[in-house]
Amino acid sequence: MASLILHIFFLLVIVATSQGSPPSYPPLQIHHLRSRLGSGGHHIPGFSCLSWRLAVETNNIIGWKTVPEECEDYVGHYMLGKQYREDSAVVTVGAFTHAKTFKLGGDGKDIWVFDVDETTLSNLPYYAKHGFG
């Protein structure tokens, strides 16, 4: 009996003096929809021009005539920089890979028709001449 009381006493001491730790959860994976770099309604340099470029490239802005004035430097840096050359190389490889899948007739009469406006000519000289605007 004394042994049982001693065991219960030690059990109570251990329970009373032990400290539990809170459960460990993985960090919250919440991605904020707003940039933390500026307050709402204030221009964040480069942010709106990147959004404008994405919207134009995905044809979500249709019928635009010129690059917005505040984005001229952004477009200039893009078109004269490394990213434009890399993007062009990816498109070229994709077009070449696609062209290799066609079966030619072998009679020498197969032709390619390009949209000369943007497919075979670069718009870079035009944009550079007009200040990328």
Protein backbone atom coordinates (compact mmCIF):
# COMPACT_ATOMS: atom_id res chain seq x y z
CA MET A 1 0.00 0.00 0.00
CA ALA A 2 2.82 2.37 0.88
CA SER A 3 4.39 1.59 -2.49
CA LEU A 4 1.17 2.51 -4.29
CA ILE A 5 0.90 5.82 -2.39
CA LEU A 6 4.55 6.58 -3.20
CA HIS A 7 3.97 5.89 -6.91
CA ILE A 8 0.85 8.10 -6.96
CA PHE A 9 2.77 10.86 -5.14
CA PHE A 10 5.62 10.79 -7.71
CA LEU A 11 3.11 10.71 -10.54
CA LEU A 12 1.33 13.79 -9.14
CA VAL A 13 4.66 15.61 -8.66
CA ILE A 14 5.68 14.86 -12.23
CA VAL A 15 2.32 15.95 -13.64
CA ALA A 16 2.21 19.11 -11.51
CA THR A 17 5.74 20.23 -12.37
CA SER A 18 5.94 19.27 -16.02
CA GLN A 19 5.36 21.89 -18.67
CA GLY A 20 3.76 21.07 -21.95
CA SER A 21 4.74 22.76 -25.14
CA PRO A 22 2.17 24.10 -27.56
CA PRO A 23 1.61 22.01 -30.65
CA SER A 24 3.96 22.75 -33.49
CA TYR A 25 2.17 23.93 -36.63
CA PRO A 26 3.79 24.65 -39.97
CA PRO A 27 4.10 28.37 -40.76
CA LEU A 28 1.02 29.94 -42.28
CA GLN A 29 1.11 29.86 -46.06
CA ILE A 30 -0.91 33.00 -46.60
CA HIS A 31 0.15 34.98 -49.64
CA HIS A 32 -0.85 38.61 -49.41
CA LEU A 33 -2.68 39.96 -52.42
CA ARG A 34 -1.22 43.42 -51.90
CA SER A 35 2.39 44.37 -52.08
CA ARG A 36 3.89 45.26 -48.73
CA LEU A 37 6.09 47.89 -50.37
CA GLY A 38 3.51 50.65 -50.64
CA SER A 39 0.22 51.73 -49.20
CA GLY A 40 -2.99 51.30 -51.12
CA GLY A 41 -3.49 53.74 -53.96
CA HIS A 42 0.15 54.86 -54.12
CA HIS A 43 2.32 54.16 -57.14
CA ILE A 44 5.04 51.57 -56.64
CA PRO A 45 7.76 52.13 -59.27
CA GLY A 46 7.89 49.29 -61.82
CA PHE A 47 4.83 47.55 -60.41
CA SER A 48 2.16 49.00 -62.68
CA CYS A 49 4.37 48.74 -65.78
CA LEU A 50 4.96 45.04 -65.16
CA SER A 51 1.21 44.55 -64.81
CA TRP A 52 0.60 46.55 -68.00
CA ARG A 53 3.17 44.43 -69.88
CA LEU A 54 1.58 41.18 -68.67
CA ALA A 55 -1.89 42.40 -69.66
CA VAL A 56 -0.68 43.35 -73.15
CA GLU A 57 1.24 40.09 -73.67
CA THR A 58 -1.80 38.03 -72.69
CA ASN A 59 -4.11 40.14 -74.90
CA ASN A 60 -6.11 41.35 -71.91
CA ILE A 61 -5.57 44.94 -73.08
CA ILE A 62 -6.75 45.18 -76.65
CA GLY A 63 -6.39 48.10 -79.02
CA TRP A 64 -3.70 50.02 -77.16
CA LYS A 65 -1.89 52.56 -79.33
CA THR A 66 1.25 53.53 -77.40
CA VAL A 67 3.19 52.51 -74.33
CA PRO A 68 2.05 54.56 -71.31
CA GLU A 69 4.47 57.43 -70.73
CA GLU A 70 5.42 56.25 -67.24
CA CYS A 71 6.37 52.84 -68.71
CA GLU A 72 8.67 54.04 -71.50
CA ASP A 73 11.85 53.50 -69.46
CA TYR A 74 10.60 50.12 -68.30
CA VAL A 75 9.93 48.95 -71.87
CA GLY A 76 13.28 50.36 -73.03
CA HIS A 77 15.21 48.53 -70.33
CA TYR A 78 13.34 45.32 -71.12
CA MET A 79 13.84 45.47 -74.88
CA LEU A 80 17.51 46.44 -74.66
CA GLY A 81 18.25 44.01 -71.85
CA LYS A 82 19.02 40.36 -71.40
CA GLN A 83 15.43 39.27 -70.70
CA TYR A 84 14.15 40.35 -74.14
CA ARG A 85 16.92 38.34 -75.84
CA GLU A 86 16.15 35.30 -73.67
CA ASP A 87 12.40 35.61 -74.34
CA SER A 88 13.09 35.88 -78.09
CA ALA A 89 15.34 32.80 -77.99
CA VAL A 90 12.65 30.75 -76.24
CA VAL A 91 10.06 31.76 -78.84
CA THR A 92 12.49 30.98 -81.67
CA VAL A 93 13.23 27.50 -80.31
CA GLY A 94 9.51 26.87 -79.83
CA ALA A 95 8.72 27.93 -83.40
CA PHE A 96 11.55 25.82 -84.81
CA THR A 97 10.44 22.78 -82.79
CA HIS A 98 6.88 23.25 -84.06
CA ALA A 99 8.04 23.68 -87.68
CA LYS A 100 10.01 20.42 -87.55
CA THR A 101 6.76 18.50 -86.95
CA PHE A 102 5.35 19.33 -90.39
CA LYS A 103 5.59 16.83 -93.22
CA LEU A 104 6.79 18.52 -96.40
CA GLY A 105 5.55 17.40 -99.80
CA GLY A 106 9.07 17.04 -101.20
CA ASP A 107 8.17 18.82 -104.44
CA GLY A 108 9.80 22.12 -103.45
CA LYS A 109 6.47 23.94 -103.44
CA ASP A 110 6.00 24.16 -99.68
CA ILE A 111 6.07 27.75 -98.41
CA TRP A 112 5.87 29.59 -95.10
CA VAL A 113 3.72 32.71 -94.83
CA PHE A 114 4.79 35.03 -92.02
CA ASP A 115 2.96 37.95 -90.49
CA VAL A 116 5.74 40.39 -91.37
CA ASP A 117 4.53 42.95 -88.85
CA GLU A 118 5.72 41.05 -85.77
CA THR A 119 6.88 37.58 -86.76
CA THR A 120 9.93 37.99 -88.94
CA LEU A 121 10.91 41.58 -88.16
CA SER A 122 11.93 42.96 -84.81
CA ASN A 123 10.03 45.95 -83.45
CA LEU A 124 13.10 46.95 -81.45
CA PRO A 125 14.44 49.59 -83.92
CA TYR A 126 11.00 51.21 -84.16
CA TYR A 127 10.54 51.41 -80.40
CA ALA A 128 14.10 52.65 -79.86
CA LYS A 129 13.63 55.39 -82.48
CA HIS A 130 10.45 56.59 -80.75
CA GLY A 131 11.79 56.45 -77.19
CA PHE A 132 9.97 53.19 -76.39
CA GLY A 133 6.70 55.13 -76.11
